[in-house]
Amino acid sequence: MRCVETVAPLAERRGVPVEEADALSEGTPLDQVLRLIEKVSDKPTVLCTHGDVVEEVLSHLDERRVLDGGLVFPKGSAWVLDAEGGDIVHGRYVPPPA
């Protein structure tokens, strides 16, 4: 519910629907989340999920050394992930507006 509420204003401004995905639910295994990311990686997409999922994804990407600035994921954090051929090749943290 909170994830939908978070992205709804952006979706409305962009004129696109919000789609819910079970792969972003709390406790989802990493491989399922990565499959979803791969599936949507060919187009600009906003994904919203929970802290445990974010921690797993970012830890995985940190092990692969594709994150700028290291591993940070405070509550409400935002990341831009770049993909090539369905594989995440770069990630950068976007701090909240001051």
C-alpha atoms as a PDB file:
ATOM      1  CA  MET A   1       0.000   0.000   0.000  1.00  0.00           C
ATOM      2  CA  ARG A   2       2.711   2.491   0.963  1.00  0.00           C
ATOM      3  CA  CYS A   3       4.711   1.757  -2.175  1.00  0.00           C
ATOM      4  CA  VAL A   4       1.683   2.459  -4.369  1.00  0.00           C
ATOM      5  CA  GLU A   5       1.044   5.697  -2.462  1.00  0.00           C
ATOM      6  CA  THR A   6       4.693   6.655  -2.938  1.00  0.00           C
ATOM      7  CA  VAL A   7       4.765   6.290  -6.723  1.00  0.00           C
ATOM      8  CA  ALA A   8       1.156   7.333  -7.498  1.00  0.00           C
ATOM      9  CA  PRO A   9       1.851  11.090  -7.752  1.00  0.00           C
ATOM     10  CA  LEU A  10       4.720  10.521 -10.198  1.00  0.00           C
ATOM     11  CA  ALA A  11       2.651   8.084 -12.251  1.00  0.00           C
ATOM     12  CA  GLU A  12      -0.198  10.567 -12.392  1.00  0.00           C
ATOM     13  CA  ARG A  13       2.110  13.388 -13.554  1.00  0.00           C
ATOM     14  CA  ARG A  14       3.555  11.108 -16.233  1.00  0.00           C
ATOM     15  CA  GLY A  15       0.169   9.733 -17.264  1.00  0.00           C
ATOM     16  CA  VAL A  16       1.142   6.113 -16.702  1.00  0.00           C
ATOM     17  CA  PRO A  17      -0.524   3.418 -14.611  1.00  0.00           C
ATOM     18  CA  VAL A  18       0.851   1.991 -11.381  1.00  0.00           C
ATOM     19  CA  GLU A  19       1.295  -1.757 -11.625  1.00  0.00           C
ATOM     20  CA  GLU A  20       1.714  -3.890  -8.538  1.00  0.00           C
ATOM     21  CA  ALA A  21       4.242  -6.744  -8.636  1.00  0.00           C
ATOM     22  CA  ASP A  22       4.498  -9.592  -6.138  1.00  0.00           C
ATOM     23  CA  ALA A  23       8.248  -9.678  -6.814  1.00  0.00           C
ATOM     24  CA  LEU A  24       8.564  -6.421  -4.847  1.00  0.00           C
ATOM     25  CA  SER A  25       6.799  -7.726  -1.724  1.00  0.00           C
ATOM     26  CA  GLU A  26       8.588  -8.045   1.601  1.00  0.00           C
ATOM     27  CA  GLY A  27      10.567 -11.271   1.845  1.00  0.00           C
ATOM     28  CA  THR A  28      10.797 -11.899  -1.896  1.00  0.00           C
ATOM     29  CA  PRO A  29      13.916 -13.923  -2.811  1.00  0.00           C
ATOM     30  CA  LEU A  30      16.639 -11.996  -4.613  1.00  0.00           C
ATOM     31  CA  ASP A  31      16.418 -14.054  -7.816  1.00  0.00           C
ATOM     32  CA  GLN A  32      12.744 -13.116  -8.267  1.00  0.00           C
ATOM     33  CA  VAL A  33      13.460  -9.415  -7.772  1.00  0.00           C
ATOM     34  CA  LEU A  34      16.369  -9.552 -10.228  1.00  0.00           C
ATOM     35  CA  ARG A  35      14.137 -11.261 -12.818  1.00  0.00           C
ATOM     36  CA  LEU A  36      11.633  -8.418 -12.509  1.00  0.00           C
ATOM     37  CA  ILE A  37      14.390  -5.814 -12.872  1.00  0.00           C
ATOM     38  CA  GLU A  38      15.683  -7.638 -15.952  1.00  0.00           C
ATOM     39  CA  LYS A  39      12.158  -7.769 -17.405  1.00  0.00           C
ATOM     40  CA  VAL A  40      11.675  -3.986 -17.160  1.00  0.00           C
ATOM     41  CA  SER A  41      15.271  -2.939 -17.817  1.00  0.00           C
ATOM     42  CA  ASP A  42      14.647  -2.020 -21.460  1.00  0.00           C
ATOM     43  CA  LYS A  43      12.508   1.007 -20.531  1.00  0.00           C
ATOM     44  CA  PRO A  44      12.551   3.734 -17.873  1.00  0.00           C
ATOM     45  CA  THR A  45      10.794   2.262 -14.844  1.00  0.00           C
ATOM     46  CA  VAL A  46      10.237   3.234 -11.218  1.00  0.00           C
ATOM     47  CA  LEU A  47      10.188   0.387  -8.731  1.00  0.00           C
ATOM     48  CA  CYS A  48       9.228   0.796  -5.091  1.00  0.00           C
ATOM     49  CA  THR A  49       9.805  -1.929  -2.535  1.00  0.00           C
ATOM     50  CA  HIS A  50      10.618  -2.629   1.094  1.00  0.00           C
ATOM     51  CA  GLY A  51      13.814  -2.337   3.116  1.00  0.00           C
ATOM     52  CA  ASP A  52      14.649  -6.040   3.180  1.00  0.00           C
ATOM     53  CA  VAL A  53      14.355  -6.277  -0.612  1.00  0.00           C
ATOM     54  CA  VAL A  54      16.372  -3.104  -1.154  1.00  0.00           C
ATOM     55  CA  GLU A  55      19.112  -4.375   1.171  1.00  0.00           C
ATOM     56  CA  GLU A  56      19.380  -7.689  -0.706  1.00  0.00           C
ATOM     57  CA  VAL A  57      19.456  -6.070  -4.152  1.00  0.00           C
ATOM     58  CA  LEU A  58      21.972  -3.404  -3.181  1.00  0.00           C
ATOM     59  CA  SER A  59      24.200  -5.895  -1.321  1.00  0.00           C
ATOM     60  CA  HIS A  60      24.198  -8.053  -4.460  1.00  0.00           C
ATOM     61  CA  LEU A  61      25.123  -5.057  -6.623  1.00  0.00           C
ATOM     62  CA  ASP A  62      27.778  -3.926  -4.144  1.00  0.00           C
ATOM     63  CA  GLU A  63      29.402  -7.379  -4.358  1.00  0.00           C
ATOM     64  CA  ARG A  64      29.473  -6.922  -8.140  1.00  0.00           C
ATOM     65  CA  ARG A  65      31.061  -3.472  -7.650  1.00  0.00           C
ATOM     66  CA  VAL A  66      28.555  -1.562  -9.780  1.00  0.00           C
ATOM     67  CA  LEU A  67      27.475   0.980  -7.142  1.00  0.00           C
ATOM     68  CA  ASP A  68      28.903   4.484  -7.025  1.00  0.00           C
ATOM     69  CA  GLY A  69      29.675   5.623  -3.512  1.00  0.00           C
ATOM     70  CA  GLY A  70      29.211   2.294  -1.821  1.00  0.00           C
ATOM     71  CA  LEU A  71      26.332   0.724  -0.019  1.00  0.00           C
ATOM     72  CA  VAL A  72      23.844   3.227   1.444  1.00  0.00           C
ATOM     73  CA  PHE A  73      20.126   2.684   1.792  1.00  0.00           C
ATOM     74  CA  PRO A  74      18.503   4.845   4.432  1.00  0.00           C
ATOM     75  CA  LYS A  75      14.723   4.528   4.741  1.00  0.00           C
ATOM     76  CA  GLY A  76      13.119   6.252   1.763  1.00  0.00           C
ATOM     77  CA  SER A  77      16.314   6.137  -0.292  1.00  0.00           C
ATOM     78  CA  ALA A  78      16.330   6.285  -4.072  1.00  0.00           C
ATOM     79  CA  TRP A  79      18.716   4.673  -6.532  1.00  0.00           C
ATOM     80  CA  VAL A  80      19.136   4.981 -10.285  1.00  0.00           C
ATOM     81  CA  LEU A  81      20.122   1.648 -11.825  1.00  0.00           C
ATOM     82  CA  ASP A  82      21.416   1.447 -15.391  1.00  0.00           C
ATOM     83  CA  ALA A  83      21.084  -1.800 -17.304  1.00  0.00           C
ATOM     84  CA  GLU A  84      22.499  -3.186 -20.508  1.00  0.00           C
ATOM     85  CA  GLY A  85      21.075  -6.359 -21.980  1.00  0.00           C
ATOM     86  CA  GLY A  86      18.993  -6.945 -18.847  1.00  0.00           C
ATOM     87  CA  ASP A  87      22.035  -6.791 -16.544  1.00  0.00           C
ATOM     88  CA  ILE A  88      22.529  -3.941 -14.055  1.00  0.00           C
ATOM     89  CA  VAL A  89      25.858  -2.334 -14.895  1.00  0.00           C
ATOM     90  CA  HIS A  90      25.789   0.800 -12.759  1.00  0.00           C
ATOM     91  CA  GLY A  91      23.947   2.175  -9.741  1.00  0.00           C
ATOM     92  CA  ARG A  92      24.014   5.529  -8.011  1.00  0.00           C
ATOM     93  CA  TYR A  93      22.348   6.779  -4.871  1.00  0.00           C
ATOM     94  CA  VAL A  94      20.144   9.853  -5.174  1.00  0.00           C
ATOM     95  CA  PRO A  95      20.037  11.790  -1.909  1.00  0.00           C
ATOM     96  CA  PRO A  96      16.736  13.362  -0.855  1.00  0.00           C
ATOM     97  CA  PRO A  97      16.198  17.006  -1.815  1.00  0.00           C
ATOM     98  CA  ALA A  98      17.597  19.456   0.690  1.00  0.00           C
END
